[in-house]
Amino acid sequence: MHNSFKIPALLTVLAAIIFSVLATFKIYREGKLPNILAKASKEESVLANTKTNSDLYRKTLRKFYVLDKDLKFNEPTESAYPIEIKANNALVLDLSEGEILFEKDLKERVPIASLVKIMTTIIALEHKDTEDEMTVSEKAGLTGENSMEITAGETYTLRELLYGLILHSGNDAAVAIAENTAESEENFVEWMNIKAGELGLSDTKFYDASGLNDNSYSTAYDLAKLTRYAMKNPDFKEVVKTLEYEILPTEKHKYIYLYNQTNLLRSYPGVEGVKTGFTEEAGLCLVTYVKYGDKELIGVVLGSSDRKYDMVLMLDYAFEKLGIKADHPLITVQ
């Protein structure tokens, strides 16, 4: 009786083995086994490359900044919009108090155009020295739209490329910086997203270093957090507030004159830059840092048809809430 139970069990095991052998033979005969092995090998390669790039990110990290942990981004208490702006999304943040003084759909994910370059600048500054030399590739030299007009084969310092990146919003500079910092733009973009995670930018993702790719997205809220972090870096602050910059000719590159395209840098009191952006998909975008008296504000405008008008209106309203009258000649009558 006992042995009679063993025989069926043994037959079941043998049948399973035979079935497995036949199935493997069928896969091999149909030519599927090499494909399966190739797929597995490719997946392992992708994982290995991802790990290697993350290691490179940490290995080359030269400096970073720690945000004040006691500073909170308080949610707005007013639901109605006290002023009418043209932008789809907006925010004014009082840095000293961590208080949102004005907002409009501050957590909606939207394309951000060249505001991507804020993160591009931070990654470059945290992984390279500003005097490091960078050679322009053919890909970088051919990258168009906004351009600082660098040419393949030329060599510039990171500092010079950063002025072209911010003042002229040079997409060619973005690619050159990315390739020379992280070995490829793809690696660099991964670093941008690693940094976004470290900063808690949960509604932000980057797909390129320039902002030409409208798949990159963020929110007014996340961009305020990113800019708050960026302004801790003295090199970043110096570049974004610069009105004009000359790159003198050398045997390695030509002469280039750059001027800052950031709205309000010359006209609104206390404005110290940061960045403009535009694509058809993103609309007119602007992030502005203002230091007026003992107050520091960050303004964000996304998806606008008149970013300068919106920013002036928002800043005036924010300062009025703080009991401050900003003295300027700009007209903001609605």
C-alpha atoms as a PDB file:
ATOM      1  CA  MET A   1       0.000   0.000   0.000  1.00  0.00           C
ATOM      2  CA  HIS A   2       2.824   2.337   0.938  1.00  0.00           C
ATOM      3  CA  ASN A   3       4.796   1.583  -2.277  1.00  0.00           C
ATOM      4  CA  SER A   4       1.706   2.113  -4.448  1.00  0.00           C
ATOM      5  CA  PHE A   5       1.678   5.770  -3.422  1.00  0.00           C
ATOM      6  CA  LYS A   6       5.371   6.235  -4.330  1.00  0.00           C
ATOM      7  CA  ILE A   7       4.988   5.049  -7.939  1.00  0.00           C
ATOM      8  CA  PRO A   8       2.448   7.727  -9.080  1.00  0.00           C
ATOM      9  CA  ALA A   9       4.515  10.438  -7.336  1.00  0.00           C
ATOM     10  CA  LEU A  10       7.673   9.282  -9.128  1.00  0.00           C
ATOM     11  CA  LEU A  11       5.863   9.253 -12.464  1.00  0.00           C
ATOM     12  CA  THR A  12       4.673  12.837 -11.845  1.00  0.00           C
ATOM     13  CA  VAL A  13       8.233  14.042 -11.200  1.00  0.00           C
ATOM     14  CA  LEU A  14       9.553  12.264 -14.312  1.00  0.00           C
ATOM     15  CA  ALA A  15       6.775  13.765 -16.426  1.00  0.00           C
ATOM     16  CA  ALA A  16       7.639  17.256 -15.190  1.00  0.00           C
ATOM     17  CA  ILE A  17      11.316  16.772 -16.052  1.00  0.00           C
ATOM     18  CA  ILE A  18      10.512  15.465 -19.537  1.00  0.00           C
ATOM     19  CA  PHE A  19       8.117  18.370 -20.161  1.00  0.00           C
ATOM     20  CA  SER A  20      10.770  20.894 -19.086  1.00  0.00           C
ATOM     21  CA  VAL A  21      13.406  19.336 -21.379  1.00  0.00           C
ATOM     22  CA  LEU A  22      11.006  19.287 -24.340  1.00  0.00           C
ATOM     23  CA  ALA A  23       9.974  22.910 -23.729  1.00  0.00           C
ATOM     24  CA  THR A  24      13.600  24.048 -23.617  1.00  0.00           C
ATOM     25  CA  PHE A  25      14.356  22.095 -26.819  1.00  0.00           C
ATOM     26  CA  LYS A  26      11.343  23.732 -28.512  1.00  0.00           C
ATOM     27  CA  ILE A  27      12.529  27.220 -27.519  1.00  0.00           C
ATOM     28  CA  TYR A  28      16.033  26.486 -28.770  1.00  0.00           C
ATOM     29  CA  ARG A  29      14.789  24.923 -32.045  1.00  0.00           C
ATOM     30  CA  GLU A  30      12.617  27.985 -32.756  1.00  0.00           C
ATOM     31  CA  GLY A  31      15.550  30.311 -32.142  1.00  0.00           C
ATOM     32  CA  LYS A  32      13.987  31.944 -29.103  1.00  0.00           C
ATOM     33  CA  LEU A  33      16.648  30.996 -26.557  1.00  0.00           C
ATOM     34  CA  PRO A  34      19.299  33.437 -27.871  1.00  0.00           C
ATOM     35  CA  ASN A  35      16.670  36.217 -27.802  1.00  0.00           C
ATOM     36  CA  ILE A  36      15.739  35.426 -24.216  1.00  0.00           C
ATOM     37  CA  LEU A  37      19.387  35.362 -23.174  1.00  0.00           C
ATOM     38  CA  ALA A  38      20.054  38.596 -25.078  1.00  0.00           C
ATOM     39  CA  LYS A  39      17.108  40.299 -23.387  1.00  0.00           C
ATOM     40  CA  ALA A  40      18.333  39.204 -19.966  1.00  0.00           C
ATOM     41  CA  SER A  41      21.839  40.392 -20.814  1.00  0.00           C
ATOM     42  CA  LYS A  42      20.514  43.766 -21.991  1.00  0.00           C
ATOM     43  CA  GLU A  43      18.503  44.228 -18.786  1.00  0.00           C
ATOM     44  CA  GLU A  44      21.575  43.394 -16.708  1.00  0.00           C
ATOM     45  CA  SER A  45      23.612  45.898 -18.762  1.00  0.00           C
ATOM     46  CA  VAL A  46      21.058  48.678 -18.212  1.00  0.00           C
ATOM     47  CA  LEU A  47      21.056  48.002 -14.472  1.00  0.00           C
ATOM     48  CA  ALA A  48      24.850  47.996 -14.398  1.00  0.00           C
ATOM     49  CA  ASN A  49      25.055  51.274 -16.341  1.00  0.00           C
ATOM     50  CA  THR A  50      22.485  52.899 -14.044  1.00  0.00           C
ATOM     51  CA  LYS A  51      24.455  51.822 -10.991  1.00  0.00           C
ATOM     52  CA  THR A  52      27.723  53.018 -12.541  1.00  0.00           C
ATOM     53  CA  ASN A  53      26.217  56.432 -13.367  1.00  0.00           C
ATOM     54  CA  SER A  54      24.840  56.828  -9.830  1.00  0.00           C
ATOM     55  CA  ASP A  55      28.286  55.964  -8.477  1.00  0.00           C
ATOM     56  CA  LEU A  56      29.844  58.553 -10.806  1.00  0.00           C
ATOM     57  CA  TYR A  57      27.335  61.155  -9.580  1.00  0.00           C
ATOM     58  CA  ARG A  58      28.416  60.632  -5.984  1.00  0.00           C
ATOM     59  CA  LYS A  59      32.108  60.263  -6.780  1.00  0.00           C
ATOM     60  CA  THR A  60      32.303  63.595  -8.631  1.00  0.00           C
ATOM     61  CA  LEU A  61      30.125  65.577  -6.195  1.00  0.00           C
ATOM     62  CA  ARG A  62      32.346  68.448  -5.014  1.00  0.00           C
ATOM     63  CA  LYS A  63      29.966  70.474  -2.865  1.00  0.00           C
ATOM     64  CA  PHE A  64      26.331  70.811  -1.953  1.00  0.00           C
ATOM     65  CA  TYR A  65      24.191  72.853   0.412  1.00  0.00           C
ATOM     66  CA  VAL A  66      21.894  71.929   3.270  1.00  0.00           C
ATOM     67  CA  LEU A  67      18.533  73.668   3.455  1.00  0.00           C
ATOM     68  CA  ASP A  68      17.247  75.061   6.744  1.00  0.00           C
ATOM     69  CA  LYS A  69      15.080  72.311   8.154  1.00  0.00           C
ATOM     70  CA  ASP A  70      12.934  74.670  10.216  1.00  0.00           C
ATOM     71  CA  LEU A  71      11.750  76.604   7.158  1.00  0.00           C
ATOM     72  CA  LYS A  72       8.307  75.420   6.090  1.00  0.00           C
ATOM     73  CA  PHE A  73       6.424  76.175   2.920  1.00  0.00           C
ATOM     74  CA  ASN A  74       3.134  77.149   4.513  1.00  0.00           C
ATOM     75  CA  GLU A  75       0.024  76.479   2.470  1.00  0.00           C
ATOM     76  CA  PRO A  76      -1.893  79.624   1.418  1.00  0.00           C
ATOM     77  CA  THR A  77      -4.844  80.584   3.595  1.00  0.00           C
ATOM     78  CA  GLU A  78      -6.768  82.433   0.875  1.00  0.00           C
ATOM     79  CA  SER A  79      -8.444  80.346  -1.800  1.00  0.00           C
ATOM     80  CA  ALA A  80      -9.655  83.225  -3.986  1.00  0.00           C
ATOM     81  CA  TYR A  81      -7.190  85.031  -6.248  1.00  0.00           C
ATOM     82  CA  PRO A  82      -6.765  88.617  -4.962  1.00  0.00           C
ATOM     83  CA  ILE A  83      -5.208  89.727  -8.273  1.00  0.00           C
ATOM     84  CA  GLU A  84      -5.858  88.666 -11.851  1.00  0.00           C
ATOM     85  CA  ILE A  85      -2.804  87.416 -13.704  1.00  0.00           C
ATOM     86  CA  LYS A  86      -2.436  85.924 -17.166  1.00  0.00           C
ATOM     87  CA  ALA A  87      -0.310  82.952 -16.056  1.00  0.00           C
ATOM     88  CA  ASN A  88      -1.814  79.508 -15.564  1.00  0.00           C
ATOM     89  CA  ASN A  89       0.395  78.792 -12.555  1.00  0.00           C
ATOM     90  CA  ALA A  90       2.163  81.143 -10.177  1.00  0.00           C
ATOM     91  CA  LEU A  91       3.653  81.581  -6.737  1.00  0.00           C
ATOM     92  CA  VAL A  92       5.311  84.230  -4.577  1.00  0.00           C
ATOM     93  CA  LEU A  93       7.242  82.919  -1.594  1.00  0.00           C
ATOM     94  CA  ASP A  94       8.585  84.902   1.365  1.00  0.00           C
ATOM     95  CA  LEU A  95      11.857  83.098   2.034  1.00  0.00           C
ATOM     96  CA  SER A  96      12.393  84.507   5.515  1.00  0.00           C
ATOM     97  CA  GLU A  97       9.076  83.177   6.809  1.00  0.00           C
ATOM     98  CA  GLY A  98       8.502  80.317   4.403  1.00  0.00           C
ATOM     99  CA  GLU A  99       5.098  81.834   3.693  1.00  0.00           C
ATOM    100  CA  ILE A 100       3.301  81.672   0.374  1.00  0.00           C
ATOM    101  CA  LEU A 101       2.068  85.222  -0.235  1.00  0.00           C
ATOM    102  CA  PHE A 102       0.302  84.456  -3.515  1.00  0.00           C
ATOM    103  CA  GLU A 103      -0.420  81.310  -5.481  1.00  0.00           C
ATOM    104  CA  LYS A 104      -2.335  80.031  -8.455  1.00  0.00           C
ATOM    105  CA  ASP A 105      -2.456  76.271  -9.084  1.00  0.00           C
ATOM    106  CA  LEU A 106       0.988  75.995  -7.520  1.00  0.00           C
ATOM    107  CA  LYS A 107       1.167  72.182  -7.648  1.00  0.00           C
ATOM    108  CA  GLU A 108      -0.003  71.501 -11.200  1.00  0.00           C
ATOM    109  CA  ARG A 109       2.609  69.670 -13.294  1.00  0.00           C
ATOM    110  CA  VAL A 110       3.405  71.673 -16.428  1.00  0.00           C
ATOM    111  CA  PRO A 111       6.245  71.986 -18.994  1.00  0.00           C
ATOM    112  CA  ILE A 112       8.846  74.530 -17.879  1.00  0.00           C
ATOM    113  CA  ALA A 113      10.985  75.218 -20.984  1.00  0.00           C
ATOM    114  CA  SER A 114      14.385  76.767 -20.161  1.00  0.00           C
ATOM    115  CA  LEU A 115      13.706  76.910 -16.424  1.00  0.00           C
ATOM    116  CA  VAL A 116      15.261  73.437 -16.655  1.00  0.00           C
ATOM    117  CA  LYS A 117      18.582  75.315 -16.856  1.00  0.00           C
ATOM    118  CA  ILE A 118      18.346  76.239 -13.167  1.00  0.00           C
ATOM    119  CA  MET A 119      18.978  72.589 -12.331  1.00  0.00           C
ATOM    120  CA  THR A 120      21.534  72.271 -15.148  1.00  0.00           C
ATOM    121  CA  THR A 121      23.550  75.063 -13.540  1.00  0.00           C
ATOM    122  CA  ILE A 122      23.366  73.534 -10.066  1.00  0.00           C
ATOM    123  CA  ILE A 123      24.506  70.087 -11.219  1.00  0.00           C
ATOM    124  CA  ALA A 124      27.459  71.602 -13.101  1.00  0.00           C
ATOM    125  CA  LEU A 125      28.527  73.768 -10.158  1.00  0.00           C
ATOM    126  CA  GLU A 126      28.314  70.874  -7.715  1.00  0.00           C
ATOM    127  CA  HIS A 127      30.395  68.510  -9.839  1.00  0.00           C
ATOM    128  CA  LYS A 128      32.900  70.753 -11.611  1.00  0.00           C
ATOM    129  CA  ASP A 129      35.127  73.740 -10.880  1.00  0.00           C
ATOM    130  CA  THR A 130      34.173  76.938 -12.698  1.00  0.00           C
ATOM    131  CA  GLU A 131      37.635  77.082 -14.288  1.00  0.00           C
ATOM    132  CA  ASP A 132      37.447  73.523 -15.660  1.00  0.00           C
ATOM    133  CA  GLU A 133      37.816  73.518 -19.445  1.00  0.00           C
ATOM    134  CA  MET A 134      35.095  72.000 -21.607  1.00  0.00           C
ATOM    135  CA  THR A 135      35.371  71.127 -25.288  1.00  0.00           C
ATOM    136  CA  VAL A 136      32.364  71.642 -27.557  1.00  0.00           C
ATOM    137  CA  SER A 137      31.189  68.492 -29.355  1.00  0.00           C
ATOM    138  CA  GLU A 138      29.569  68.440 -32.780  1.00  0.00           C
ATOM    139  CA  LYS A 139      26.206  67.707 -31.135  1.00  0.00           C
ATOM    140  CA  ALA A 140      26.550  70.685 -28.794  1.00  0.00           C
ATOM    141  CA  GLY A 141      27.703  72.999 -31.574  1.00  0.00           C
ATOM    142  CA  LEU A 142      24.685  72.099 -33.701  1.00  0.00           C
ATOM    143  CA  THR A 143      22.101  72.505 -30.914  1.00  0.00           C
ATOM    144  CA  GLY A 144      19.956  75.440 -31.939  1.00  0.00           C
ATOM    145  CA  GLU A 145      16.987  77.600 -31.026  1.00  0.00           C
ATOM    146  CA  ASN A 146      18.491  79.879 -28.349  1.00  0.00           C
ATOM    147  CA  SER A 147      22.267  79.706 -28.660  1.00  0.00           C
ATOM    148  CA  MET A 148      25.417  81.368 -27.350  1.00  0.00           C
ATOM    149  CA  GLU A 149      26.942  80.441 -30.753  1.00  0.00           C
ATOM    150  CA  ILE A 150      29.763  78.162 -29.701  1.00  0.00           C
ATOM    151  CA  THR A 151      31.403  75.967 -32.358  1.00  0.00           C
ATOM    152  CA  ALA A 152      32.422  72.305 -32.326  1.00  0.00           C
ATOM    153  CA  GLY A 153      36.083  71.920 -31.366  1.00  0.00           C
ATOM    154  CA  GLU A 154      36.251  75.114 -29.311  1.00  0.00           C
ATOM    155  CA  THR A 155      37.140  74.987 -25.617  1.00  0.00           C
ATOM    156  CA  TYR A 156      35.621  77.198 -22.922  1.00  0.00           C
ATOM    157  CA  THR A 157      35.687  77.224 -19.132  1.00  0.00           C
ATOM    158  CA  LEU A 158      32.590  76.104 -17.261  1.00  0.00           C
ATOM    159  CA  ARG A 159      32.193  79.688 -16.037  1.00  0.00           C
ATOM    160  CA  GLU A 160      32.038  81.007 -19.606  1.00  0.00           C
ATOM    161  CA  LEU A 161      29.515  78.361 -20.634  1.00  0.00           C
ATOM    162  CA  LEU A 162      27.345  79.108 -17.588  1.00  0.00           C
ATOM    163  CA  TYR A 163      27.094  82.768 -18.588  1.00  0.00           C
ATOM    164  CA  GLY A 164      26.017  81.642 -22.049  1.00  0.00           C
ATOM    165  CA  LEU A 165      23.571  79.167 -20.510  1.00  0.00           C
ATOM    166  CA  ILE A 166      21.872  81.715 -18.250  1.00  0.00           C
ATOM    167  CA  LEU A 167      22.266  85.084 -19.981  1.00  0.00           C
ATOM    168  CA  HIS A 168      21.528  83.880 -23.540  1.00  0.00           C
ATOM    169  CA  SER A 169      19.667  80.712 -22.498  1.00  0.00           C
ATOM    170  CA  GLY A 170      22.092  78.837 -24.736  1.00  0.00           C
ATOM    171  CA  ASN A 171      20.921  75.327 -25.531  1.00  0.00           C
ATOM    172  CA  ASP A 172      24.321  74.646 -27.091  1.00  0.00           C
ATOM    173  CA  ALA A 173      25.929  75.549 -23.760  1.00  0.00           C
ATOM    174  CA  ALA A 174      23.555  73.182 -21.937  1.00  0.00           C
ATOM    175  CA  VAL A 175      24.632  70.212 -24.055  1.00  0.00           C
ATOM    176  CA  ALA A 176      28.338  71.098 -23.815  1.00  0.00           C
ATOM    177  CA  ILE A 177      28.117  71.399 -20.030  1.00  0.00           C
ATOM    178  CA  ALA A 178      26.189  68.130 -19.709  1.00  0.00           C
ATOM    179  CA  GLU A 179      28.595  66.134 -21.885  1.00  0.00           C
ATOM    180  CA  ASN A 180      31.712  67.462 -20.162  1.00  0.00           C
ATOM    181  CA  THR A 181      30.314  67.053 -16.652  1.00  0.00           C
ATOM    182  CA  ALA A 182      28.755  63.580 -16.790  1.00  0.00           C
ATOM    183  CA  GLU A 183      30.287  62.074 -19.966  1.00  0.00           C
ATOM    184  CA  SER A 184      26.937  62.272 -21.808  1.00  0.00           C
ATOM    185  CA  GLU A 185      23.747  64.316 -21.709  1.00  0.00           C
ATOM    186  CA  GLU A 186      21.822  61.144 -20.798  1.00  0.00           C
ATOM    187  CA  ASN A 187      23.992  60.632 -17.711  1.00  0.00           C
ATOM    188  CA  PHE A 188      23.659  64.303 -16.814  1.00  0.00           C
ATOM    189  CA  VAL A 189      19.853  64.196 -17.006  1.00  0.00           C
ATOM    190  CA  GLU A 190      19.872  61.222 -14.648  1.00  0.00           C
ATOM    191  CA  TRP A 191      21.944  63.307 -12.233  1.00  0.00           C
ATOM    192  CA  MET A 192      19.389  66.120 -12.511  1.00  0.00           C
ATOM    193  CA  ASN A 193      16.646  63.711 -11.493  1.00  0.00           C
ATOM    194  CA  ILE A 194      18.744  62.292  -8.646  1.00  0.00           C
ATOM    195  CA  LYS A 195      19.166  65.846  -7.334  1.00  0.00           C
ATOM    196  CA  ALA A 196      15.451  66.529  -7.727  1.00  0.00           C
ATOM    197  CA  GLY A 197      14.794  63.519  -5.505  1.00  0.00           C
ATOM    198  CA  GLU A 198      17.333  64.708  -2.933  1.00  0.00           C
ATOM    199  CA  LEU A 199      15.619  68.107  -2.777  1.00  0.00           C
ATOM    200  CA  GLY A 200      12.154  66.590  -2.416  1.00  0.00           C
ATOM    201  CA  LEU A 201      10.907  67.877  -5.768  1.00  0.00           C
ATOM    202  CA  SER A 202       8.231  65.197  -5.995  1.00  0.00           C
ATOM    203  CA  ASP A 203       6.421  66.755  -8.967  1.00  0.00           C
ATOM    204  CA  THR A 204       9.474  67.359 -11.139  1.00  0.00           C
ATOM    205  CA  LYS A 205      11.166  65.299 -13.836  1.00  0.00           C
ATOM    206  CA  PHE A 206      13.806  66.262 -16.380  1.00  0.00           C
ATOM    207  CA  TYR A 207      14.286  64.824 -19.870  1.00  0.00           C
ATOM    208  CA  ASP A 208      17.100  67.030 -21.156  1.00  0.00           C
ATOM    209  CA  ALA A 209      19.599  69.636 -19.975  1.00  0.00           C
ATOM    210  CA  SER A 210      18.282  72.533 -22.063  1.00  0.00           C
ATOM    211  CA  GLY A 211      14.493  72.559 -21.769  1.00  0.00           C
ATOM    212  CA  LEU A 212      13.867  72.020 -25.481  1.00  0.00           C
ATOM    213  CA  ASN A 213      12.127  68.747 -24.638  1.00  0.00           C
ATOM    214  CA  ASP A 214       8.629  69.630 -23.431  1.00  0.00           C
ATOM    215  CA  ASN A 215       8.353  66.299 -21.622  1.00  0.00           C
ATOM    216  CA  SER A 216      10.275  67.872 -18.733  1.00  0.00           C
ATOM    217  CA  TYR A 217       7.838  69.104 -16.114  1.00  0.00           C
ATOM    218  CA  SER A 218       7.644  70.753 -12.726  1.00  0.00           C
ATOM    219  CA  THR A 219       5.339  72.929 -10.628  1.00  0.00           C
ATOM    220  CA  ALA A 220       5.488  76.500  -9.360  1.00  0.00           C
ATOM    221  CA  TYR A 221       5.919  75.032  -5.877  1.00  0.00           C
ATOM    222  CA  ASP A 222       8.862  72.783  -6.808  1.00  0.00           C
ATOM    223  CA  LEU A 223      10.561  75.549  -8.800  1.00  0.00           C
ATOM    224  CA  ALA A 224      10.406  77.847  -5.775  1.00  0.00           C
ATOM    225  CA  LYS A 225      12.049  75.112  -3.695  1.00  0.00           C
ATOM    226  CA  LEU A 226      14.717  74.544  -6.352  1.00  0.00           C
ATOM    227  CA  THR A 227      15.470  78.266  -6.667  1.00  0.00           C
ATOM    228  CA  ARG A 228      15.655  78.648  -2.907  1.00  0.00           C
ATOM    229  CA  TYR A 229      18.332  75.940  -2.924  1.00  0.00           C
ATOM    230  CA  ALA A 230      20.157  77.372  -5.948  1.00  0.00           C
ATOM    231  CA  MET A 231      20.474  80.831  -4.382  1.00  0.00           C
ATOM    232  CA  LYS A 232      22.617  79.341  -1.614  1.00  0.00           C
ATOM    233  CA  ASN A 233      25.367  78.815  -4.195  1.00  0.00           C
ATOM    234  CA  PRO A 234      27.449  82.021  -4.594  1.00  0.00           C
ATOM    235  CA  ASP A 235      28.500  81.143  -8.148  1.00  0.00           C
ATOM    236  CA  PHE A 236      24.859  80.662  -9.158  1.00  0.00           C
ATOM    237  CA  LYS A 237      23.893  84.006  -7.578  1.00  0.00           C
ATOM    238  CA  GLU A 238      26.733  85.777  -9.375  1.00  0.00           C
ATOM    239  CA  VAL A 239      25.815  84.417 -12.807  1.00  0.00           C
ATOM    240  CA  VAL A 240      22.046  85.025 -12.653  1.00  0.00           C
ATOM    241  CA  LYS A 241      22.373  88.666 -11.552  1.00  0.00           C
ATOM    242  CA  THR A 242      24.922  89.600 -14.248  1.00  0.00           C
ATOM    243  CA  LEU A 243      23.642  92.079 -16.841  1.00  0.00           C
ATOM    244  CA  GLU A 244      26.282  91.495 -19.514  1.00  0.00           C
ATOM    245  CA  TYR A 245      29.412  89.420 -19.978  1.00  0.00           C
ATOM    246  CA  GLU A 246      32.263  89.339 -22.473  1.00  0.00           C
ATOM    247  CA  ILE A 247      34.162  86.194 -23.397  1.00  0.00           C
ATOM    248  CA  LEU A 248      37.471  87.437 -24.757  1.00  0.00           C
ATOM    249  CA  PRO A 249      39.037  85.603 -27.710  1.00  0.00           C
ATOM    250  CA  THR A 250      41.855  83.088 -27.176  1.00  0.00           C
ATOM    251  CA  GLU A 251      43.540  80.456 -29.322  1.00  0.00           C
ATOM    252  CA  LYS A 252      40.838  78.066 -28.066  1.00  0.00           C
ATOM    253  CA  HIS A 253      37.713  80.083 -28.893  1.00  0.00           C
ATOM    254  CA  LYS A 254      36.272  83.245 -30.438  1.00  0.00           C
ATOM    255  CA  TYR A 255      34.953  86.449 -28.856  1.00  0.00           C
ATOM    256  CA  ILE A 256      31.347  86.316 -27.581  1.00  0.00           C
ATOM    257  CA  TYR A 257      29.240  89.109 -26.073  1.00  0.00           C
ATOM    258  CA  LEU A 258      26.382  88.028 -23.805  1.00  0.00           C
ATOM    259  CA  TYR A 259      23.553  90.054 -22.287  1.00  0.00           C
ATOM    260  CA  ASN A 260      20.968  88.997 -19.721  1.00  0.00           C
ATOM    261  CA  GLN A 261      17.484  88.383 -21.087  1.00  0.00           C
ATOM    262  CA  THR A 262      15.876  88.074 -17.651  1.00  0.00           C
ATOM    263  CA  ASN A 263      12.920  90.447 -17.374  1.00  0.00           C
ATOM    264  CA  LEU A 264      12.921  93.043 -14.543  1.00  0.00           C
ATOM    265  CA  LEU A 265      16.639  92.759 -13.767  1.00  0.00           C
ATOM    266  CA  ARG A 266      17.093  96.401 -14.765  1.00  0.00           C
ATOM    267  CA  SER A 267      13.692  97.786 -13.816  1.00  0.00           C
ATOM    268  CA  TYR A 268      12.256  96.307 -10.594  1.00  0.00           C
ATOM    269  CA  PRO A 269      13.994  97.238  -7.311  1.00  0.00           C
ATOM    270  CA  GLY A 270      15.872  94.398  -5.653  1.00  0.00           C
ATOM    271  CA  VAL A 271      15.566  91.888  -8.506  1.00  0.00           C
ATOM    272  CA  GLU A 272      18.708  89.738  -8.746  1.00  0.00           C
ATOM    273  CA  GLY A 273      17.804  87.514 -11.675  1.00  0.00           C
ATOM    274  CA  VAL A 274      17.081  84.151 -12.139  1.00  0.00           C
ATOM    275  CA  LYS A 275      15.738  82.702 -15.411  1.00  0.00           C
ATOM    276  CA  THR A 276      13.248  83.045 -18.238  1.00  0.00           C
ATOM    277  CA  GLY A 277      11.818  80.261 -20.379  1.00  0.00           C
ATOM    278  CA  PHE A 278       9.608  79.799 -23.413  1.00  0.00           C
ATOM    279  CA  THR A 279       8.313  77.112 -25.734  1.00  0.00           C
ATOM    280  CA  GLU A 280       4.955  76.995 -27.505  1.00  0.00           C
ATOM    281  CA  GLU A 281       3.882  74.251 -25.107  1.00  0.00           C
ATOM    282  CA  ALA A 282       5.148  75.890 -21.904  1.00  0.00           C
ATOM    283  CA  GLY A 283       4.210  79.476 -22.716  1.00  0.00           C
ATOM    284  CA  LEU A 284       6.155  82.374 -21.212  1.00  0.00           C
ATOM    285  CA  CYS A 285       7.833  81.389 -17.934  1.00  0.00           C
ATOM    286  CA  LEU A 286       9.849  83.337 -15.386  1.00  0.00           C
ATOM    287  CA  VAL A 287      11.480  82.708 -12.017  1.00  0.00           C
ATOM    288  CA  THR A 288      12.598  85.842 -10.156  1.00  0.00           C
ATOM    289  CA  TYR A 289      14.570  86.381  -6.956  1.00  0.00           C
ATOM    290  CA  VAL A 290      14.104  89.712  -5.160  1.00  0.00           C
ATOM    291  CA  LYS A 291      15.941  91.083  -2.149  1.00  0.00           C
ATOM    292  CA  TYR A 292      14.314  94.296  -0.918  1.00  0.00           C
ATOM    293  CA  GLY A 293      15.178  95.627   2.523  1.00  0.00           C
ATOM    294  CA  ASP A 294      15.231  92.665   4.888  1.00  0.00           C
ATOM    295  CA  LYS A 295      12.883  90.619   2.720  1.00  0.00           C
ATOM    296  CA  GLU A 296      13.736  87.944   0.168  1.00  0.00           C
ATOM    297  CA  LEU A 297      11.050  86.784  -2.250  1.00  0.00           C
ATOM    298  CA  ILE A 298      10.934  84.193  -5.009  1.00  0.00           C
ATOM    299  CA  GLY A 299       8.339  84.639  -7.729  1.00  0.00           C
ATOM    300  CA  VAL A 300       7.361  81.957 -10.243  1.00  0.00           C
ATOM    301  CA  VAL A 301       5.233  82.505 -13.367  1.00  0.00           C
ATOM    302  CA  LEU A 302       4.357  79.590 -15.681  1.00  0.00           C
ATOM    303  CA  GLY A 303       2.259  79.426 -18.840  1.00  0.00           C
ATOM    304  CA  SER A 304       1.777  83.178 -19.207  1.00  0.00           C
ATOM    305  CA  SER A 305       1.152  85.439 -22.183  1.00  0.00           C
ATOM    306  CA  ASP A 306       2.842  88.373 -20.360  1.00  0.00           C
ATOM    307  CA  ARG A 307       5.305  87.175 -17.723  1.00  0.00           C
ATOM    308  CA  LYS A 308       6.693  90.631 -16.936  1.00  0.00           C
ATOM    309  CA  TYR A 309       3.227  92.048 -16.248  1.00  0.00           C
ATOM    310  CA  ASP A 310       2.331  89.069 -14.079  1.00  0.00           C
ATOM    311  CA  MET A 311       5.543  89.175 -12.058  1.00  0.00           C
ATOM    312  CA  VAL A 312       5.311  92.916 -11.348  1.00  0.00           C
ATOM    313  CA  LEU A 313       1.682  92.555 -10.287  1.00  0.00           C
ATOM    314  CA  MET A 314       2.493  89.600  -8.021  1.00  0.00           C
ATOM    315  CA  LEU A 315       5.540  91.210  -6.418  1.00  0.00           C
ATOM    316  CA  ASP A 316       3.684  94.481  -5.798  1.00  0.00           C
ATOM    317  CA  TYR A 317       0.857  92.552  -4.157  1.00  0.00           C
ATOM    318  CA  ALA A 318       3.271  90.471  -2.057  1.00  0.00           C
ATOM    319  CA  PHE A 319       5.214  93.490  -0.815  1.00  0.00           C
ATOM    320  CA  GLU A 320       1.953  95.288  -0.028  1.00  0.00           C
ATOM    321  CA  LYS A 321       0.933  92.311   2.133  1.00  0.00           C
ATOM    322  CA  LEU A 322       4.241  92.721   3.959  1.00  0.00           C
ATOM    323  CA  GLY A 323       3.646  96.443   4.478  1.00  0.00           C
ATOM    324  CA  ILE A 324       6.264  97.489   1.916  1.00  0.00           C
ATOM    325  CA  LYS A 325       5.790  99.737  -1.108  1.00  0.00           C
ATOM    326  CA  ALA A 326       8.162  98.812  -3.917  1.00  0.00           C
ATOM    327  CA  ASP A 327       9.247 102.027  -5.632  1.00  0.00           C
ATOM    328  CA  HIS A 328       9.393 101.541  -9.402  1.00  0.00           C
ATOM    329  CA  PRO A 329       8.139 103.229 -12.588  1.00  0.00           C
ATOM    330  CA  LEU A 330       6.433 100.151 -13.981  1.00  0.00           C
ATOM    331  CA  ILE A 331       2.708 100.340 -14.708  1.00  0.00           C
ATOM    332  CA  THR A 332       0.557  97.452 -13.514  1.00  0.00           C
ATOM    333  CA  VAL A 333      -2.940  98.859 -13.960  1.00  0.00           C
ATOM    334  CA  GLN A 334      -5.263  95.980 -14.850  1.00  0.00           C
END
